Amino acid sequence: MPKQLPITATGACCSPLAREPLSADQAVELSQLFKAMSDPVRLRLLSLIASHAGGEACVCDLTDAFDLTGPTISHHLKVLRESGLITGERRGTWIYYRVHPEVLARLSAVLVPGNTGVLA
């Protein structure tokens, strides 16, 4: 998992963009996360996983949603996993993926103008 910025006492890594400028380290971390999500297939995979019943999805549930080869889907899942947005757990022959909600919360806290940085 990539290096993550420290979480403050209020729960967010950074103030909203509209309140104060990001540090260089914060900008690097956030840009890596946004870059991982910038591909339409990866953004859709992230959404499919996050919205799946129970908060996790089997790779077998994800591949049918796309007109792409298995290796291509695997590549996109690897990018999401290496960025820290999702995690995968092998169970038998299948891998089940979960979104890291704390990572999405950090991204959200930065983007919401006027956000106090307090996460639910």
C-alpha atoms as a PDB file:
ATOM      1  CA  MET A   1       0.000   0.000   0.000  1.00  0.00           C
ATOM      2  CA  PRO A   2       1.340   3.462  -0.847  1.00  0.00           C
ATOM      3  CA  LYS A   3       2.579   5.899   1.750  1.00  0.00           C
ATOM      4  CA  GLN A   4      -0.345   7.797   3.206  1.00  0.00           C
ATOM      5  CA  LEU A   5      -0.446  11.205   4.757  1.00  0.00           C
ATOM      6  CA  PRO A   6      -1.081  11.260   8.490  1.00  0.00           C
ATOM      7  CA  ILE A   7      -4.673  11.582   9.596  1.00  0.00           C
ATOM      8  CA  THR A   8      -5.247  14.603  11.807  1.00  0.00           C
ATOM      9  CA  ALA A   9      -7.193  14.565  15.053  1.00  0.00           C
ATOM     10  CA  THR A  10     -10.294  15.565  13.103  1.00  0.00           C
ATOM     11  CA  GLY A  11      -9.922  12.572  10.793  1.00  0.00           C
ATOM     12  CA  ALA A  12      -8.874  14.203   7.517  1.00  0.00           C
ATOM     13  CA  CYS A  13      -5.413  14.329   5.978  1.00  0.00           C
ATOM     14  CA  CYS A  14      -5.846  17.743   4.482  1.00  0.00           C
ATOM     15  CA  SER A  15      -7.955  20.854   4.694  1.00  0.00           C
ATOM     16  CA  PRO A  16     -10.386  21.463   1.854  1.00  0.00           C
ATOM     17  CA  LEU A  17      -8.721  22.996  -1.192  1.00  0.00           C
ATOM     18  CA  ALA A  18     -10.724  26.190  -0.747  1.00  0.00           C
ATOM     19  CA  ARG A  19      -9.452  26.754   2.802  1.00  0.00           C
ATOM     20  CA  GLU A  20      -5.683  26.392   2.442  1.00  0.00           C
ATOM     21  CA  PRO A  21      -3.190  25.256  -0.188  1.00  0.00           C
ATOM     22  CA  LEU A  22      -2.004  21.660  -0.219  1.00  0.00           C
ATOM     23  CA  SER A  23       1.562  20.876   0.736  1.00  0.00           C
ATOM     24  CA  ALA A  24       3.763  19.300  -1.931  1.00  0.00           C
ATOM     25  CA  ASP A  25       3.466  15.866  -0.238  1.00  0.00           C
ATOM     26  CA  GLN A  26      -0.311  16.150  -0.001  1.00  0.00           C
ATOM     27  CA  ALA A  27      -0.550  17.106  -3.669  1.00  0.00           C
ATOM     28  CA  VAL A  28       1.549  14.098  -4.688  1.00  0.00           C
ATOM     29  CA  GLU A  29      -0.546  11.639  -2.659  1.00  0.00           C
ATOM     30  CA  LEU A  30      -3.858  13.039  -3.805  1.00  0.00           C
ATOM     31  CA  SER A  31      -2.785  13.214  -7.447  1.00  0.00           C
ATOM     32  CA  GLN A  32      -1.851   9.506  -7.356  1.00  0.00           C
ATOM     33  CA  LEU A  33      -5.298   8.620  -6.036  1.00  0.00           C
ATOM     34  CA  PHE A  34      -7.088  10.814  -8.561  1.00  0.00           C
ATOM     35  CA  LYS A  35      -4.907   9.443 -11.357  1.00  0.00           C
ATOM     36  CA  ALA A  36      -5.899   5.883 -10.408  1.00  0.00           C
ATOM     37  CA  MET A  37      -9.560   6.908 -10.585  1.00  0.00           C
ATOM     38  CA  SER A  38      -9.190   8.957 -13.781  1.00  0.00           C
ATOM     39  CA  ASP A  39      -9.743   6.026 -16.135  1.00  0.00           C
ATOM     40  CA  PRO A  40     -13.457   5.383 -16.871  1.00  0.00           C
ATOM     41  CA  VAL A  41     -13.061   1.614 -16.439  1.00  0.00           C
ATOM     42  CA  ARG A  42     -11.323   2.015 -13.055  1.00  0.00           C
ATOM     43  CA  LEU A  43     -13.876   4.561 -11.878  1.00  0.00           C
ATOM     44  CA  ARG A  44     -16.672   2.192 -12.837  1.00  0.00           C
ATOM     45  CA  LEU A  45     -14.910  -0.757 -11.155  1.00  0.00           C
ATOM     46  CA  LEU A  46     -14.546   1.312  -7.988  1.00  0.00           C
ATOM     47  CA  SER A  47     -18.237   2.171  -8.125  1.00  0.00           C
ATOM     48  CA  LEU A  48     -19.275  -1.427  -8.761  1.00  0.00           C
ATOM     49  CA  ILE A  49     -17.221  -2.652  -5.807  1.00  0.00           C
ATOM     50  CA  ALA A  50     -18.356   0.099  -3.428  1.00  0.00           C
ATOM     51  CA  SER A  51     -22.035  -0.318  -4.282  1.00  0.00           C
ATOM     52  CA  HIS A  52     -22.064  -4.121  -4.300  1.00  0.00           C
ATOM     53  CA  ALA A  53     -24.105  -5.881  -1.621  1.00  0.00           C
ATOM     54  CA  GLY A  54     -22.030  -6.365   1.520  1.00  0.00           C
ATOM     55  CA  GLY A  55     -19.427  -3.849   0.370  1.00  0.00           C
ATOM     56  CA  GLU A  56     -17.341  -6.373  -1.527  1.00  0.00           C
ATOM     57  CA  ALA A  57     -17.446  -7.874  -4.984  1.00  0.00           C
ATOM     58  CA  CYS A  58     -16.001 -11.015  -6.486  1.00  0.00           C
ATOM     59  CA  VAL A  59     -13.923 -10.510  -9.593  1.00  0.00           C
ATOM     60  CA  CYS A  60     -16.397 -12.888 -11.243  1.00  0.00           C
ATOM     61  CA  ASP A  61     -19.138 -10.271 -10.630  1.00  0.00           C
ATOM     62  CA  LEU A  62     -17.046  -7.493 -12.137  1.00  0.00           C
ATOM     63  CA  THR A  63     -15.844  -8.979 -15.410  1.00  0.00           C
ATOM     64  CA  ASP A  64     -19.338  -9.448 -16.876  1.00  0.00           C
ATOM     65  CA  ALA A  65     -20.019  -5.701 -16.578  1.00  0.00           C
ATOM     66  CA  PHE A  66     -17.385  -4.901 -19.226  1.00  0.00           C
ATOM     67  CA  ASP A  67     -16.642  -5.830 -22.788  1.00  0.00           C
ATOM     68  CA  LEU A  68     -12.965  -6.297 -21.878  1.00  0.00           C
ATOM     69  CA  THR A  69     -10.648  -9.264 -21.485  1.00  0.00           C
ATOM     70  CA  GLY A  70      -9.858 -10.750 -18.078  1.00  0.00           C
ATOM     71  CA  PRO A  71      -6.238  -9.534 -18.182  1.00  0.00           C
ATOM     72  CA  THR A  72      -7.404  -5.977 -18.912  1.00  0.00           C
ATOM     73  CA  ILE A  73      -9.804  -6.036 -15.950  1.00  0.00           C
ATOM     74  CA  SER A  74      -7.014  -7.486 -13.800  1.00  0.00           C
ATOM     75  CA  HIS A  75      -4.707  -4.647 -14.826  1.00  0.00           C
ATOM     76  CA  HIS A  76      -7.270  -2.017 -13.827  1.00  0.00           C
ATOM     77  CA  LEU A  77      -7.921  -3.754 -10.506  1.00  0.00           C
ATOM     78  CA  LYS A  78      -4.162  -3.871  -9.882  1.00  0.00           C
ATOM     79  CA  VAL A  79      -3.887  -0.108 -10.440  1.00  0.00           C
ATOM     80  CA  LEU A  80      -6.729   0.505  -7.966  1.00  0.00           C
ATOM     81  CA  ARG A  81      -5.168  -1.906  -5.464  1.00  0.00           C
ATOM     82  CA  GLU A  82      -1.672  -0.407  -5.733  1.00  0.00           C
ATOM     83  CA  SER A  83      -3.082   3.090  -5.235  1.00  0.00           C
ATOM     84  CA  GLY A  84      -4.685   1.982  -1.968  1.00  0.00           C
ATOM     85  CA  LEU A  85      -8.265   2.550  -3.115  1.00  0.00           C
ATOM     86  CA  ILE A  86      -9.218  -1.142  -2.880  1.00  0.00           C
ATOM     87  CA  THR A  87      -7.987  -4.324  -1.299  1.00  0.00           C
ATOM     88  CA  GLY A  88      -8.336  -7.884  -2.541  1.00  0.00           C
ATOM     89  CA  GLU A  89      -8.663 -11.191  -0.705  1.00  0.00           C
ATOM     90  CA  ARG A  90      -8.329 -14.568  -2.401  1.00  0.00           C
ATOM     91  CA  ARG A  91     -10.973 -17.112  -1.451  1.00  0.00           C
ATOM     92  CA  GLY A  92     -10.529 -20.340  -3.320  1.00  0.00           C
ATOM     93  CA  THR A  93     -10.179 -19.523  -7.003  1.00  0.00           C
ATOM     94  CA  TRP A  94     -11.751 -16.052  -6.796  1.00  0.00           C
ATOM     95  CA  ILE A  95     -10.569 -12.711  -5.471  1.00  0.00           C
ATOM     96  CA  TYR A  96     -13.006 -10.521  -3.558  1.00  0.00           C
ATOM     97  CA  TYR A  97     -12.445  -6.762  -3.600  1.00  0.00           C
ATOM     98  CA  ARG A  98     -13.384  -4.096  -1.048  1.00  0.00           C
ATOM     99  CA  VAL A  99     -13.071  -0.335  -1.215  1.00  0.00           C
ATOM    100  CA  HIS A 100     -11.058   1.420   1.493  1.00  0.00           C
ATOM    101  CA  PRO A 101     -13.725   3.861   2.725  1.00  0.00           C
ATOM    102  CA  GLU A 102     -11.176   5.899   4.687  1.00  0.00           C
ATOM    103  CA  VAL A 103      -9.312   6.694   1.461  1.00  0.00           C
ATOM    104  CA  LEU A 104     -12.507   7.856  -0.247  1.00  0.00           C
ATOM    105  CA  ALA A 105     -13.326   9.902   2.858  1.00  0.00           C
ATOM    106  CA  ARG A 106      -9.924  11.646   2.643  1.00  0.00           C
ATOM    107  CA  LEU A 107     -10.541  12.482  -1.010  1.00  0.00           C
ATOM    108  CA  SER A 108     -14.010  13.744  -0.200  1.00  0.00           C
ATOM    109  CA  ALA A 109     -12.813  15.876   2.713  1.00  0.00           C
ATOM    110  CA  VAL A 110     -10.360  17.673   0.446  1.00  0.00           C
ATOM    111  CA  LEU A 111     -12.919  18.401  -2.260  1.00  0.00           C
ATOM    112  CA  VAL A 112     -15.829  19.668  -0.165  1.00  0.00           C
ATOM    113  CA  PRO A 113     -15.638  23.458   0.185  1.00  0.00           C
ATOM    114  CA  GLY A 114     -16.247  24.658   3.706  1.00  0.00           C
ATOM    115  CA  ASN A 115     -15.795  21.135   5.083  1.00  0.00           C
ATOM    116  CA  THR A 116     -14.526  21.247   8.640  1.00  0.00           C
ATOM    117  CA  GLY A 117     -12.422  18.160   8.038  1.00  0.00           C
ATOM    118  CA  VAL A 118     -14.592  16.080  10.362  1.00  0.00           C
ATOM    119  CA  LEU A 119     -15.498  12.757   8.817  1.00  0.00           C
ATOM    120  CA  ALA A 120     -18.622  10.815   9.650  1.00  0.00           C
END
